[in-house]
Amino acid sequence: MLNLVLPIAFALVAAAFALSFWRLLRGPSAPDRILALDTLYINTIALLVLLGIQLGTALYFEAALLIALMGFVGTVALCKYLLRGDIIE
């Protein structure tokens, strides 16, 4: 059953990744682009988790945690810059 579901999940997450990247490039405003970048982080995490499940190794889960941490910090920094004009007060 897992051999059937994993390729479908990879395809759907890859399609979501492509659509998010398209929104990042074509976003009409800066908040749209920040949201698309945040969605790209989430899609990357999903791809790494799926790859870790398929290969049966925990290394990809640790990489997904690091990307989640960096994605959160990056999103907060970009939003703070967008609202205030500077990151460090």
N, C-alpha and C. Protein backbone atom coordinates (compact mmCIF):
# COMPACT_ATOMS: atom_id res chain seq x y z
N MET A 1 0.82 -1.19 0.00
CA MET A 1 0.00 0.00 0.00
C MET A 1 0.87 1.26 0.00
N LEU A 2 1.96 1.23 0.77
CA LEU A 2 2.84 2.40 0.85
C LEU A 2 3.54 2.64 -0.49
N ASN A 3 3.82 1.58 -1.22
CA ASN A 3 4.45 1.74 -2.54
C ASN A 3 3.53 2.41 -3.54
N LEU A 4 2.24 2.35 -3.31
CA LEU A 4 1.28 3.01 -4.18
C LEU A 4 1.06 4.46 -3.79
N VAL A 5 1.05 4.73 -2.49
CA VAL A 5 0.70 6.05 -1.99
C VAL A 5 1.87 7.04 -2.12
N LEU A 6 3.09 6.59 -1.91
CA LEU A 6 4.23 7.51 -1.92
C LEU A 6 4.44 8.22 -3.26
N PRO A 7 4.38 7.57 -4.40
CA PRO A 7 4.53 8.32 -5.66
C PRO A 7 3.41 9.34 -5.89
N ILE A 8 2.21 8.99 -5.47
CA ILE A 8 1.10 9.94 -5.59
C ILE A 8 1.35 11.15 -4.70
N ALA A 9 1.80 10.91 -3.48
CA ALA A 9 2.09 12.00 -2.55
C ALA A 9 3.23 12.87 -3.08
N PHE A 10 4.27 12.24 -3.63
CA PHE A 10 5.36 13.01 -4.23
C PHE A 10 4.85 13.91 -5.35
N ALA A 11 4.00 13.37 -6.19
CA ALA A 11 3.47 14.14 -7.32
C ALA A 11 2.62 15.31 -6.85
N LEU A 12 1.78 15.09 -5.85
CA LEU A 12 0.92 16.16 -5.37
C LEU A 12 1.72 17.26 -4.67
N VAL A 13 2.70 16.87 -3.87
CA VAL A 13 3.53 17.87 -3.18
C VAL A 13 4.40 18.61 -4.20
N ALA A 14 4.89 17.92 -5.21
CA ALA A 14 5.67 18.59 -6.25
C ALA A 14 4.81 19.60 -7.02
N ALA A 15 3.55 19.25 -7.28
CA ALA A 15 2.64 20.19 -7.94
C ALA A 15 2.39 21.41 -7.04
N ALA A 16 2.21 21.18 -5.75
CA ALA A 16 2.03 22.30 -4.82
C ALA A 16 3.28 23.17 -4.77
N PHE A 17 4.45 22.53 -4.82
CA PHE A 17 5.72 23.26 -4.83
C PHE A 17 5.80 24.15 -6.08
N ALA A 18 5.45 23.59 -7.23
CA ALA A 18 5.51 24.35 -8.48
C ALA A 18 4.54 25.53 -8.47
N LEU A 19 3.33 25.32 -7.94
CA LEU A 19 2.36 26.42 -7.88
C LEU A 19 2.79 27.50 -6.90
N SER A 20 3.40 27.11 -5.80
CA SER A 20 3.91 28.10 -4.85
C SER A 20 5.06 28.89 -5.44
N PHE A 21 5.92 28.21 -6.19
CA PHE A 21 7.03 28.91 -6.84
C PHE A 21 6.50 29.89 -7.89
N TRP A 22 5.47 29.50 -8.57
CA TRP A 22 4.84 30.40 -9.56
C TRP A 22 4.29 31.63 -8.87
N ARG A 23 3.65 31.46 -7.70
CA ARG A 23 3.12 32.60 -6.96
C ARG A 23 4.26 33.47 -6.43
N LEU A 24 5.39 32.86 -6.09
CA LEU A 24 6.54 33.63 -5.63
C LEU A 24 7.05 34.53 -6.75
N LEU A 25 7.08 34.01 -7.96
CA LEU A 25 7.57 34.80 -9.08
C LEU A 25 6.57 35.84 -9.55
N ARG A 26 5.30 35.52 -9.55
CA ARG A 26 4.27 36.38 -10.13
C ARG A 26 3.42 37.12 -9.11
N GLY A 27 3.74 36.97 -7.82
CA GLY A 27 2.90 37.58 -6.80
C GLY A 27 2.70 39.08 -7.01
N PRO A 28 1.49 39.55 -6.90
CA PRO A 28 1.27 40.98 -7.18
C PRO A 28 1.82 41.89 -6.07
N SER A 29 1.99 41.39 -4.89
CA SER A 29 2.46 42.24 -3.80
C SER A 29 3.48 41.49 -2.95
N ALA A 30 4.15 42.24 -2.09
CA ALA A 30 5.17 41.64 -1.23
C ALA A 30 4.58 40.63 -0.23
N PRO A 31 3.42 40.90 0.39
CA PRO A 31 2.87 39.87 1.29
C PRO A 31 2.53 38.56 0.58
N ASP A 32 2.09 38.64 -0.67
CA ASP A 32 1.83 37.42 -1.44
C ASP A 32 3.11 36.63 -1.66
N ARG A 33 4.19 37.33 -1.93
CA ARG A 33 5.47 36.66 -2.14
C ARG A 33 6.01 36.05 -0.86
N ILE A 34 5.82 36.73 0.26
CA ILE A 34 6.26 36.19 1.55
C ILE A 34 5.45 34.94 1.89
N LEU A 35 4.17 34.98 1.65
CA LEU A 35 3.33 33.81 1.90
C LEU A 35 3.71 32.65 0.98
N ALA A 36 4.04 32.94 -0.27
CA ALA A 36 4.48 31.90 -1.19
C ALA A 36 5.80 31.30 -0.74
N LEU A 37 6.71 32.13 -0.23
CA LEU A 37 7.98 31.62 0.27
C LEU A 37 7.77 30.73 1.49
N ASP A 38 6.86 31.12 2.36
CA ASP A 38 6.54 30.30 3.52
C ASP A 38 5.93 28.97 3.09
N THR A 39 5.09 28.99 2.08
CA THR A 39 4.51 27.76 1.56
C THR A 39 5.57 26.88 0.91
N LEU A 40 6.57 27.49 0.27
CA LEU A 40 7.67 26.72 -0.29
C LEU A 40 8.45 25.99 0.79
N TYR A 41 8.66 26.64 1.93
CA TYR A 41 9.32 25.96 3.05
C TYR A 41 8.51 24.74 3.49
N ILE A 42 7.22 24.91 3.61
CA ILE A 42 6.37 23.82 4.06
C ILE A 42 6.38 22.67 3.04
N ASN A 43 6.34 23.00 1.75
CA ASN A 43 6.39 21.96 0.72
C ASN A 43 7.73 21.25 0.72
N THR A 44 8.81 21.97 0.97
CA THR A 44 10.12 21.34 1.06
C THR A 44 10.18 20.38 2.24
N ILE A 45 9.60 20.78 3.35
CA ILE A 45 9.54 19.90 4.53
C ILE A 45 8.75 18.64 4.20
N ALA A 46 7.64 18.80 3.50
CA ALA A 46 6.83 17.64 3.14
C ALA A 46 7.59 16.70 2.21
N LEU A 47 8.33 17.26 1.25
CA LEU A 47 9.13 16.42 0.35
C LEU A 47 10.22 15.67 1.11
N LEU A 48 10.86 16.33 2.05
CA LEU A 48 11.91 15.66 2.82
C LEU A 48 11.33 14.56 3.71
N VAL A 49 10.19 14.80 4.29
CA VAL A 49 9.56 13.77 5.13
C VAL A 49 9.16 12.57 4.27
N LEU A 50 8.60 12.83 3.11
CA LEU A 50 8.24 11.72 2.22
C LEU A 50 9.47 10.95 1.77
N LEU A 51 10.55 11.66 1.48
CA LEU A 51 11.78 10.98 1.09
C LEU A 51 12.35 10.16 2.23
N GLY A 52 12.26 10.68 3.45
CA GLY A 52 12.70 9.92 4.62
C GLY A 52 11.88 8.67 4.84
N ILE A 53 10.58 8.75 4.60
CA ILE A 53 9.72 7.57 4.72
C ILE A 53 10.07 6.55 3.65
N GLN A 54 10.29 7.03 2.43
CA GLN A 54 10.59 6.10 1.34
C GLN A 54 11.93 5.40 1.53
N LEU A 55 12.95 6.13 1.98
CA LEU A 55 14.27 5.54 2.14
C LEU A 55 14.47 4.90 3.50
N GLY A 56 13.59 5.19 4.45
CA GLY A 56 13.67 4.58 5.77
C GLY A 56 14.82 5.08 6.63
N THR A 57 15.16 6.35 6.49
CA THR A 57 16.23 6.93 7.29
C THR A 57 15.75 8.17 8.01
N ALA A 58 16.33 8.43 9.17
CA ALA A 58 15.92 9.56 9.98
C ALA A 58 16.68 10.84 9.64
N LEU A 59 17.67 10.75 8.79
CA LEU A 59 18.47 11.92 8.44
C LEU A 59 17.62 13.00 7.78
N TYR A 60 16.69 12.61 6.95
CA TYR A 60 15.85 13.57 6.25
C TYR A 60 14.86 14.26 7.20
N PHE A 61 14.48 13.59 8.26
CA PHE A 61 13.60 14.21 9.24
C PHE A 61 14.33 15.33 9.98
N GLU A 62 15.62 15.11 10.27
CA GLU A 62 16.41 16.15 10.92
C GLU A 62 16.61 17.34 9.99
N ALA A 63 16.82 17.07 8.72
CA ALA A 63 16.95 18.16 7.75
C ALA A 63 15.63 18.93 7.64
N ALA A 64 14.51 18.22 7.72
CA ALA A 64 13.21 18.89 7.67
C ALA A 64 13.02 19.79 8.88
N LEU A 65 13.48 19.36 10.04
CA LEU A 65 13.39 20.20 11.24
C LEU A 65 14.23 21.46 11.09
N LEU A 66 15.42 21.34 10.54
CA LEU A 66 16.27 22.51 10.33
C LEU A 66 15.65 23.49 9.34
N ILE A 67 15.07 22.97 8.27
CA ILE A 67 14.42 23.84 7.30
C ILE A 67 13.20 24.51 7.92
N ALA A 68 12.47 23.80 8.76
CA ALA A 68 11.32 24.40 9.44
C ALA A 68 11.75 25.55 10.33
N LEU A 69 12.84 25.36 11.06
CA LEU A 69 13.33 26.41 11.94
C LEU A 69 13.78 27.62 11.13
N MET A 70 14.56 27.39 10.08
CA MET A 70 15.04 28.49 9.25
C MET A 70 13.88 29.18 8.51
N GLY A 71 12.90 28.41 8.09
CA GLY A 71 11.74 29.00 7.42
C GLY A 71 10.94 29.89 8.34
N PHE A 72 10.77 29.47 9.59
CA PHE A 72 10.03 30.29 10.54
C PHE A 72 10.77 31.60 10.82
N VAL A 73 12.05 31.49 11.07
CA VAL A 73 12.85 32.70 11.36
C VAL A 73 12.87 33.62 10.15
N GLY A 74 13.01 33.07 8.97
CA GLY A 74 13.02 33.89 7.77
C GLY A 74 11.69 34.58 7.52
N THR A 75 10.60 33.88 7.75
CA THR A 75 9.28 34.48 7.56
C THR A 75 9.04 35.60 8.56
N VAL A 76 9.42 35.40 9.79
CA VAL A 76 9.26 36.44 10.81
C VAL A 76 10.11 37.65 10.46
N ALA A 77 11.34 37.42 10.03
CA ALA A 77 12.22 38.54 9.68
C ALA A 77 11.68 39.32 8.48
N LEU A 78 11.20 38.61 7.47
CA LEU A 78 10.65 39.30 6.30
C LEU A 78 9.39 40.10 6.64
N CYS A 79 8.54 39.52 7.47
CA CYS A 79 7.32 40.24 7.86
C CYS A 79 7.64 41.46 8.70
N LYS A 80 8.60 41.32 9.59
CA LYS A 80 9.00 42.45 10.42
C LYS A 80 9.62 43.55 9.55
N TYR A 81 10.42 43.16 8.58
CA TYR A 81 10.99 44.15 7.67
C TYR A 81 9.91 44.83 6.84
N LEU A 82 8.93 44.08 6.41
CA LEU A 82 7.85 44.63 5.60
C LEU A 82 7.01 45.63 6.40
N LEU A 83 6.77 45.31 7.68
CA LEU A 83 5.94 46.19 8.50
C LEU A 83 6.67 47.42 9.01
N ARG A 84 7.93 47.25 9.44
CA ARG A 84 8.64 48.34 10.12
C ARG A 84 9.75 48.95 9.30
N GLY A 85 10.26 48.28 8.31
CA GLY A 85 11.35 48.80 7.53
C GLY A 85 12.72 48.40 8.03
N ASP A 86 12.79 47.80 9.21
CA ASP A 86 14.06 47.29 9.72
C ASP A 86 13.80 46.00 10.50
N ILE A 87 14.84 45.21 10.67
CA ILE A 87 14.67 43.94 11.36
C ILE A 87 15.07 44.07 12.82
N ILE A 88 16.20 44.74 13.05
CA ILE A 88 16.70 44.90 14.41
C ILE A 88 16.31 46.29 14.89
N GLU A 89 15.70 46.35 16.04
CA GLU A 89 15.23 47.64 16.55
C GLU A 89 16.31 48.39 17.25
